[in-house]
Structure formats: structure tokens, C-alpha cells
Amino acid sequence: MSFSIKDKFFIAVKTLNANANYTYTGNPPTTEEEYNNVNWITGVDEQEKNVFGNPPSEITWTKVKEEMDKLWVT
């Protein structure tokens, strides 16, 4: 079975933290530089709008990339 980069990123993040939520613009990250542009949703404010912050501590680029690499190559 093969996965798209989008699927690999999603699976990797959810493997590391099933409750993590994020957004990004454009293509899913494939480098640390692109990963640093991911917007991590850390909660909602009183108007029910997303609040953004740092990723959960267990989700680093190194760990995400490691999990992505475990998935079958397309």
C-alpha cells in the first residue's frame, strides 16, 4: 500500500499524538523548514475561533519524519 505525502504527514502526526490538530497552507511539509510553517491548533477562544501555538512536545520534525519514513514509499 502506498500513501500520499498528505496522508503520511497526517498518519505520522496522529501516531505521535492522536489529539493533535494543525493547519498548513499549500503542500504538506516534507522538510523541517516547511514543518516550521505548520499552524498547530492548541484550543479555541471565546468566539470559538482556533488558537494557535507550539506543537505538542512529542511532535518534532525529526519524529514526524521518522514516522513518515516508516510508511510504504509511493
PDB file of N, CA and C in Angstrom:
ATOM      1  N   MET A   1       0.842  -1.179   0.000  1.00  0.00           N
ATOM      2  CA  MET A   1       0.000   0.000   0.000  1.00  0.00           C
ATOM      3  C   MET A   1       0.881   1.234   0.000  1.00  0.00           C
ATOM      4  N   SER A   2       0.457   2.242  -0.729  1.00  0.00           N
ATOM      5  CA  SER A   2       1.225   3.480  -0.752  1.00  0.00           C
ATOM      6  C   SER A   2       0.333   4.628  -0.287  1.00  0.00           C
ATOM      7  N   PHE A   3       0.972   5.639   0.259  1.00  0.00           N
ATOM      8  CA  PHE A   3       0.273   6.792   0.789  1.00  0.00           C
ATOM      9  C   PHE A   3       0.802   8.053   0.133  1.00  0.00           C
ATOM     10  N   SER A   4      -0.060   9.058   0.028  1.00  0.00           N
ATOM     11  CA  SER A   4       0.381  10.361  -0.448  1.00  0.00           C
ATOM     12  C   SER A   4       1.171  11.042   0.673  1.00  0.00           C
ATOM     13  N   ILE A   5       1.890  12.095   0.347  1.00  0.00           N
ATOM     14  CA  ILE A   5       2.630  12.853   1.361  1.00  0.00           C
ATOM     15  C   ILE A   5       1.644  13.409   2.397  1.00  0.00           C
ATOM     16  N   LYS A   6       0.501  13.885   1.930  1.00  0.00           N
ATOM     17  CA  LYS A   6      -0.526  14.408   2.847  1.00  0.00           C
ATOM     18  C   LYS A   6      -0.946  13.331   3.839  1.00  0.00           C
ATOM     19  N   ASP A   7      -1.209  12.129   3.342  1.00  0.00           N
ATOM     20  CA  ASP A   7      -1.589  11.019   4.217  1.00  0.00           C
ATOM     21  C   ASP A   7      -0.465  10.659   5.183  1.00  0.00           C
ATOM     22  N   LYS A   8       0.757  10.616   4.672  1.00  0.00           N
ATOM     23  CA  LYS A   8       1.896  10.270   5.525  1.00  0.00           C
ATOM     24  C   LYS A   8       2.054  11.264   6.668  1.00  0.00           C
ATOM     25  N   PHE A   9       1.922  12.560   6.359  1.00  0.00           N
ATOM     26  CA  PHE A   9       2.061  13.570   7.402  1.00  0.00           C
ATOM     27  C   PHE A   9       0.957  13.406   8.441  1.00  0.00           C
ATOM     28  N   PHE A  10      -0.278  13.241   7.982  1.00  0.00           N
ATOM     29  CA  PHE A  10      -1.409  13.062   8.890  1.00  0.00           C
ATOM     30  C   PHE A  10      -1.211  11.836   9.783  1.00  0.00           C
ATOM     31  N   ILE A  11      -0.863  10.709   9.189  1.00  0.00           N
ATOM     32  CA  ILE A  11      -0.674   9.468   9.952  1.00  0.00           C
ATOM     33  C   ILE A  11       0.466   9.622  10.952  1.00  0.00           C
ATOM     34  N   ALA A  12       1.556  10.241  10.524  1.00  0.00           N
ATOM     35  CA  ALA A  12       2.701  10.433  11.421  1.00  0.00           C
ATOM     36  C   ALA A  12       2.320  11.276  12.623  1.00  0.00           C
ATOM     37  N   VAL A  13       1.641  12.403  12.386  1.00  0.00           N
ATOM     38  CA  VAL A  13       1.240  13.274  13.494  1.00  0.00           C
ATOM     39  C   VAL A  13       0.296  12.540  14.434  1.00  0.00           C
ATOM     40  N   LYS A  14      -0.693  11.871  13.890  1.00  0.00           N
ATOM     41  CA  LYS A  14      -1.686  11.177  14.720  1.00  0.00           C
ATOM     42  C   LYS A  14      -1.073   9.984  15.462  1.00  0.00           C
ATOM     43  N   THR A  15      -0.036   9.385  14.896  1.00  0.00           N
ATOM     44  CA  THR A  15       0.673   8.309  15.590  1.00  0.00           C
ATOM     45  C   THR A  15       1.374   8.857  16.825  1.00  0.00           C
ATOM     46  N   LEU A  16       1.934  10.040  16.690  1.00  0.00           N
ATOM     47  CA  LEU A  16       2.659  10.657  17.802  1.00  0.00           C
ATOM     48  C   LEU A  16       1.720  11.251  18.852  1.00  0.00           C
ATOM     49  N   ASN A  17       0.563  11.777  18.396  1.00  0.00           N
ATOM     50  CA  ASN A  17      -0.409  12.358  19.321  1.00  0.00           C
ATOM     51  C   ASN A  17      -1.760  12.371  18.620  1.00  0.00           C
ATOM     52  N   ALA A  18      -2.623  11.451  19.012  1.00  0.00           N
ATOM     53  CA  ALA A  18      -3.922  11.294  18.348  1.00  0.00           C
ATOM     54  C   ALA A  18      -4.800  12.535  18.469  1.00  0.00           C
ATOM     55  N   ASN A  19      -4.541  13.386  19.448  1.00  0.00           N
ATOM     56  CA  ASN A  19      -5.367  14.580  19.660  1.00  0.00           C
ATOM     57  C   ASN A  19      -4.811  15.841  19.008  1.00  0.00           C
ATOM     58  N   ALA A  20      -3.678  15.749  18.361  1.00  0.00           N
ATOM     59  CA  ALA A  20      -3.051  16.927  17.751  1.00  0.00           C
ATOM     60  C   ALA A  20      -3.866  17.403  16.551  1.00  0.00           C
ATOM     61  N   ASN A  21      -3.985  18.722  16.426  1.00  0.00           N
ATOM     62  CA  ASN A  21      -4.675  19.328  15.295  1.00  0.00           C
ATOM     63  C   ASN A  21      -3.796  20.427  14.717  1.00  0.00           C
ATOM     64  N   TYR A  22      -3.874  20.599  13.406  1.00  0.00           N
ATOM     65  CA  TYR A  22      -2.999  21.542  12.728  1.00  0.00           C
ATOM     66  C   TYR A  22      -3.632  22.007  11.432  1.00  0.00           C
ATOM     67  N   THR A  23      -3.068  23.059  10.876  1.00  0.00           N
ATOM     68  CA  THR A  23      -3.393  23.502   9.527  1.00  0.00           C
ATOM     69  C   THR A  23      -2.086  23.904   8.852  1.00  0.00           C
ATOM     70  N   TYR A  24      -2.091  23.906   7.542  1.00  0.00           N
ATOM     71  CA  TYR A  24      -0.966  24.420   6.772  1.00  0.00           C
ATOM     72  C   TYR A  24      -1.493  24.909   5.444  1.00  0.00           C
ATOM     73  N   THR A  25      -0.742  25.763   4.821  1.00  0.00           N
ATOM     74  CA  THR A  25      -1.110  26.299   3.515  1.00  0.00           C
ATOM     75  C   THR A  25      -0.236  25.633   2.467  1.00  0.00           C
ATOM     76  N   GLY A  26      -0.851  25.246   1.376  1.00  0.00           N
ATOM     77  CA  GLY A  26      -0.077  24.626   0.301  1.00  0.00           C
ATOM     78  C   GLY A  26       0.079  23.135   0.521  1.00  0.00           C
ATOM     79  N   ASN A  27       1.237  22.646   0.131  1.00  0.00           N
ATOM     80  CA  ASN A  27       1.521  21.216   0.231  1.00  0.00           C
ATOM     81  C   ASN A  27       1.914  20.828   1.650  1.00  0.00           C
ATOM     82  N   PRO A  28       1.727  19.565   2.004  1.00  0.00           N
ATOM     83  CA  PRO A  28       2.167  19.112   3.323  1.00  0.00           C
ATOM     84  C   PRO A  28       3.681  19.221   3.442  1.00  0.00           C
ATOM     85  N   PRO A  29       4.159  19.423   4.652  1.00  0.00           N
ATOM     86  CA  PRO A  29       5.597  19.607   4.833  1.00  0.00           C
ATOM     87  C   PRO A  29       6.405  18.349   4.520  1.00  0.00           C
ATOM     88  N   THR A  30       7.527  18.572   3.830  1.00  0.00           N
ATOM     89  CA  THR A  30       8.464  17.485   3.536  1.00  0.00           C
ATOM     90  C   THR A  30       9.868  17.822   4.018  1.00  0.00           C
ATOM     91  N   THR A  31      10.019  19.033   4.571  1.00  0.00           N
ATOM     92  CA  THR A  31      11.306  19.456   5.126  1.00  0.00           C
ATOM     93  C   THR A  31      11.053  20.107   6.479  1.00  0.00           C
ATOM     94  N   GLU A  32      12.105  20.267   7.250  1.00  0.00           N
ATOM     95  CA  GLU A  32      11.957  20.917   8.550  1.00  0.00           C
ATOM     96  C   GLU A  32      11.512  22.372   8.384  1.00  0.00           C
ATOM     97  N   GLU A  33      12.017  23.030   7.368  1.00  0.00           N
ATOM     98  CA  GLU A  33      11.622  24.420   7.126  1.00  0.00           C
ATOM     99  C   GLU A  33      10.114  24.522   6.876  1.00  0.00           C
ATOM    100  N   GLU A  34       9.592  23.625   6.041  1.00  0.00           N
ATOM    101  CA  GLU A  34       8.150  23.610   5.777  1.00  0.00           C
ATOM    102  C   GLU A  34       7.373  23.218   7.036  1.00  0.00           C
ATOM    103  N   TYR A  35       7.898  22.265   7.795  1.00  0.00           N
ATOM    104  CA  TYR A  35       7.263  21.834   9.045  1.00  0.00           C
ATOM    105  C   TYR A  35       7.120  23.009  10.006  1.00  0.00           C
ATOM    106  N   ASN A  36       8.103  23.887  10.030  1.00  0.00           N
ATOM    107  CA  ASN A  36       8.061  25.041  10.929  1.00  0.00           C
ATOM    108  C   ASN A  36       6.962  26.025  10.569  1.00  0.00           C
ATOM    109  N   ASN A  37       6.348  25.881   9.405  1.00  0.00           N
ATOM    110  CA  ASN A  37       5.240  26.743   8.989  1.00  0.00           C
ATOM    111  C   ASN A  37       3.871  26.137   9.264  1.00  0.00           C
ATOM    112  N   VAL A  38       3.838  24.962   9.866  1.00  0.00           N
ATOM    113  CA  VAL A  38       2.571  24.345  10.249  1.00  0.00           C
ATOM    114  C   VAL A  38       1.984  25.143  11.409  1.00  0.00           C
ATOM    115  N   ASN A  39       0.684  25.387  11.358  1.00  0.00           N
ATOM    116  CA  ASN A  39      -0.021  26.089  12.431  1.00  0.00           C
ATOM    117  C   ASN A  39      -0.690  25.053  13.330  1.00  0.00           C
ATOM    118  N   TRP A  40      -0.229  24.979  14.553  1.00  0.00           N
ATOM    119  CA  TRP A  40      -0.750  23.993  15.500  1.00  0.00           C
ATOM    120  C   TRP A  40      -1.912  24.592  16.285  1.00  0.00           C
ATOM    121  N   ILE A  41      -3.045  23.923  16.237  1.00  0.00           N
ATOM    122  CA  ILE A  41      -4.237  24.393  16.936  1.00  0.00           C
ATOM    123  C   ILE A  41      -4.157  23.892  18.375  1.00  0.00           C
ATOM    124  N   THR A  42      -4.131  24.837  19.308  1.00  0.00           N
ATOM    125  CA  THR A  42      -3.968  24.474  20.716  1.00  0.00           C
ATOM    126  C   THR A  42      -5.242  24.670  21.532  1.00  0.00           C
ATOM    127  N   GLY A  43      -6.274  25.203  20.906  1.00  0.00           N
ATOM    128  CA  GLY A  43      -7.538  25.410  21.606  1.00  0.00           C
ATOM    129  C   GLY A  43      -8.437  26.329  20.804  1.00  0.00           C
ATOM    130  N   VAL A  44      -9.510  26.810  21.456  1.00  0.00           N
ATOM    131  CA  VAL A  44     -10.421  27.766  20.845  1.00  0.00           C
ATOM    132  C   VAL A  44     -10.650  28.910  21.824  1.00  0.00           C
ATOM    133  N   ASP A  45     -10.918  30.088  21.274  1.00  0.00           N
ATOM    134  CA  ASP A  45     -11.164  31.239  22.135  1.00  0.00           C
ATOM    135  C   ASP A  45     -12.653  31.380  22.417  1.00  0.00           C
ATOM    136  N   GLU A  46     -13.026  32.468  23.075  1.00  0.00           N
ATOM    137  CA  GLU A  46     -14.418  32.672  23.465  1.00  0.00           C
ATOM    138  C   GLU A  46     -15.355  32.847  22.274  1.00  0.00           C
ATOM    139  N   GLN A  47     -14.813  33.208  21.115  1.00  0.00           N
ATOM    140  CA  GLN A  47     -15.636  33.305  19.905  1.00  0.00           C
ATOM    141  C   GLN A  47     -15.589  32.011  19.081  1.00  0.00           C
ATOM    142  N   GLU A  48     -15.055  30.955  19.691  1.00  0.00           N
ATOM    143  CA  GLU A  48     -14.969  29.642  19.038  1.00  0.00           C
ATOM    144  C   GLU A  48     -14.018  29.647  17.835  1.00  0.00           C
ATOM    145  N   LYS A  49     -13.046  30.536  17.854  1.00  0.00           N
ATOM    146  CA  LYS A  49     -12.024  30.576  16.793  1.00  0.00           C
ATOM    147  C   LYS A  49     -10.787  29.838  17.288  1.00  0.00           C
ATOM    148  N   ASN A  50     -10.093  29.213  16.360  1.00  0.00           N
ATOM    149  CA  ASN A  50      -8.894  28.459  16.723  1.00  0.00           C
ATOM    150  C   ASN A  50      -7.830  29.349  17.350  1.00  0.00           C
ATOM    151  N   VAL A  51      -7.153  28.794  18.332  1.00  0.00           N
ATOM    152  CA  VAL A  51      -5.991  29.431  18.943  1.00  0.00           C
ATOM    153  C   VAL A  51      -4.787  28.596  18.515  1.00  0.00           C
ATOM    154  N   PHE A  52      -3.751  29.272  18.042  1.00  0.00           N
ATOM    155  CA  PHE A  52      -2.568  28.579  17.534  1.00  0.00           C
ATOM    156  C   PHE A  52      -1.407  28.731  18.493  1.00  0.00           C
ATOM    157  N   GLY A  53      -0.548  27.729  18.517  1.00  0.00           N
ATOM    158  CA  GLY A  53       0.623  27.772  19.371  1.00  0.00           C
ATOM    159  C   GLY A  53       1.642  26.741  18.933  1.00  0.00           C
ATOM    160  N   ASN A  54       2.492  26.368  19.848  1.00  0.00           N
ATOM    161  CA  ASN A  54       3.534  25.381  19.567  1.00  0.00           C
ATOM    162  C   ASN A  54       2.932  23.981  19.458  1.00  0.00           C
ATOM    163  N   PRO A  55       3.594  23.111  18.691  1.00  0.00           N
ATOM    164  CA  PRO A  55       3.108  21.732  18.615  1.00  0.00           C
ATOM    165  C   PRO A  55       3.282  21.046  19.968  1.00  0.00           C
ATOM    166  N   PRO A  56       2.519  19.986  20.211  1.00  0.00           N
ATOM    167  CA  PRO A  56       2.757  19.199  21.423  1.00  0.00           C
ATOM    168  C   PRO A  56       4.227  18.778  21.469  1.00  0.00           C
ATOM    169  N   SER A  57       4.784  18.695  22.648  1.00  0.00           N
ATOM    170  CA  SER A  57       6.226  18.454  22.800  1.00  0.00           C
ATOM    171  C   SER A  57       6.703  17.159  22.139  1.00  0.00           C
ATOM    172  N   GLU A  58       5.842  16.177  22.031  1.00  0.00           N
ATOM    173  CA  GLU A  58       6.260  14.905  21.426  1.00  0.00           C
ATOM    174  C   GLU A  58       6.253  14.949  19.900  1.00  0.00           C
ATOM    175  N   ILE A  59       5.784  16.038  19.321  1.00  0.00           N
ATOM    176  CA  ILE A  59       5.733  16.144  17.866  1.00  0.00           C
ATOM    177  C   ILE A  59       6.825  17.103  17.402  1.00  0.00           C
ATOM    178  N   THR A  60       7.923  16.528  16.955  1.00  0.00           N
ATOM    179  CA  THR A  60       9.030  17.296  16.391  1.00  0.00           C
ATOM    180  C   THR A  60       9.201  16.866  14.937  1.00  0.00           C
ATOM    181  N   TRP A  61       9.899  17.674  14.158  1.00  0.00           N
ATOM    182  CA  TRP A  61      10.124  17.292  12.774  1.00  0.00           C
ATOM    183  C   TRP A  61      10.845  15.950  12.687  1.00  0.00           C
ATOM    184  N   THR A  62      11.837  15.754  13.531  1.00  0.00           N
ATOM    185  CA  THR A  62      12.605  14.504  13.492  1.00  0.00           C
ATOM    186  C   THR A  62      11.687  13.302  13.702  1.00  0.00           C
ATOM    187  N   LYS A  63      10.797  13.390  14.669  1.00  0.00           N
ATOM    188  CA  LYS A  63       9.887  12.272  14.949  1.00  0.00           C
ATOM    189  C   LYS A  63       8.841  12.101  13.853  1.00  0.00           C
ATOM    190  N   VAL A  64       8.323  13.218  13.340  1.00  0.00           N
ATOM    191  CA  VAL A  64       7.347  13.140  12.252  1.00  0.00           C
ATOM    192  C   VAL A  64       7.989  12.497  11.030  1.00  0.00           C
ATOM    193  N   LYS A  65       9.170  12.951  10.667  1.00  0.00           N
ATOM    194  CA  LYS A  65       9.877  12.396   9.501  1.00  0.00           C
ATOM    195  C   LYS A  65      10.157  10.912   9.687  1.00  0.00           C
ATOM    196  N   GLU A  66      10.546  10.536  10.887  1.00  0.00           N
ATOM    197  CA  GLU A  66      10.804   9.126  11.188  1.00  0.00           C
ATOM    198  C   GLU A  66       9.537   8.290  10.969  1.00  0.00           C
ATOM    199  N   GLU A  67       8.413   8.784  11.454  1.00  0.00           N
ATOM    200  CA  GLU A  67       7.147   8.064  11.268  1.00  0.00           C
ATOM    201  C   GLU A  67       6.741   8.033   9.796  1.00  0.00           C
ATOM    202  N   MET A  68       6.943   9.135   9.094  1.00  0.00           N
ATOM    203  CA  MET A  68       6.610   9.174   7.665  1.00  0.00           C
ATOM    204  C   MET A  68       7.448   8.171   6.892  1.00  0.00           C
ATOM    205  N   ASP A  69       8.716   8.052   7.245  1.00  0.00           N
ATOM    206  CA  ASP A  69       9.622   7.123   6.562  1.00  0.00           C
ATOM    207  C   ASP A  69       9.252   5.664   6.781  1.00  0.00           C
ATOM    208  N   LYS A  70       8.540   5.380   7.854  1.00  0.00           N
ATOM    209  CA  LYS A  70       8.115   4.009   8.145  1.00  0.00           C
ATOM    210  C   LYS A  70       7.003   3.549   7.201  1.00  0.00           C
ATOM    211  N   LEU A  71       6.266   4.525   6.643  1.00  0.00           N
ATOM    212  CA  LEU A  71       5.170   4.180   5.754  1.00  0.00           C
ATOM    213  C   LEU A  71       5.708   3.808   4.382  1.00  0.00           C
ATOM    214  N   TRP A  72       5.028   2.970   3.699  1.00  0.00           N
ATOM    215  CA  TRP A  72       5.497   2.488   2.406  1.00  0.00           C
ATOM    216  C   TRP A  72       5.676   3.623   1.431  1.00  0.00           C
ATOM    217  N   VAL A  73       6.704   3.513   0.656  1.00  0.00           N
ATOM    218  CA  VAL A  73       7.054   4.538  -0.323  1.00  0.00           C
ATOM    219  C   VAL A  73       6.087   4.468  -1.501  1.00  0.00           C
ATOM    220  N   THR A  74       5.731   5.668  -2.001  1.00  0.00           N
ATOM    221  CA  THR A  74       4.818   5.704  -3.160  1.00  0.00           C
ATOM    222  C   THR A  74       5.591   5.522  -4.438  1.00  0.00           C
TER     223      THR A  74
END
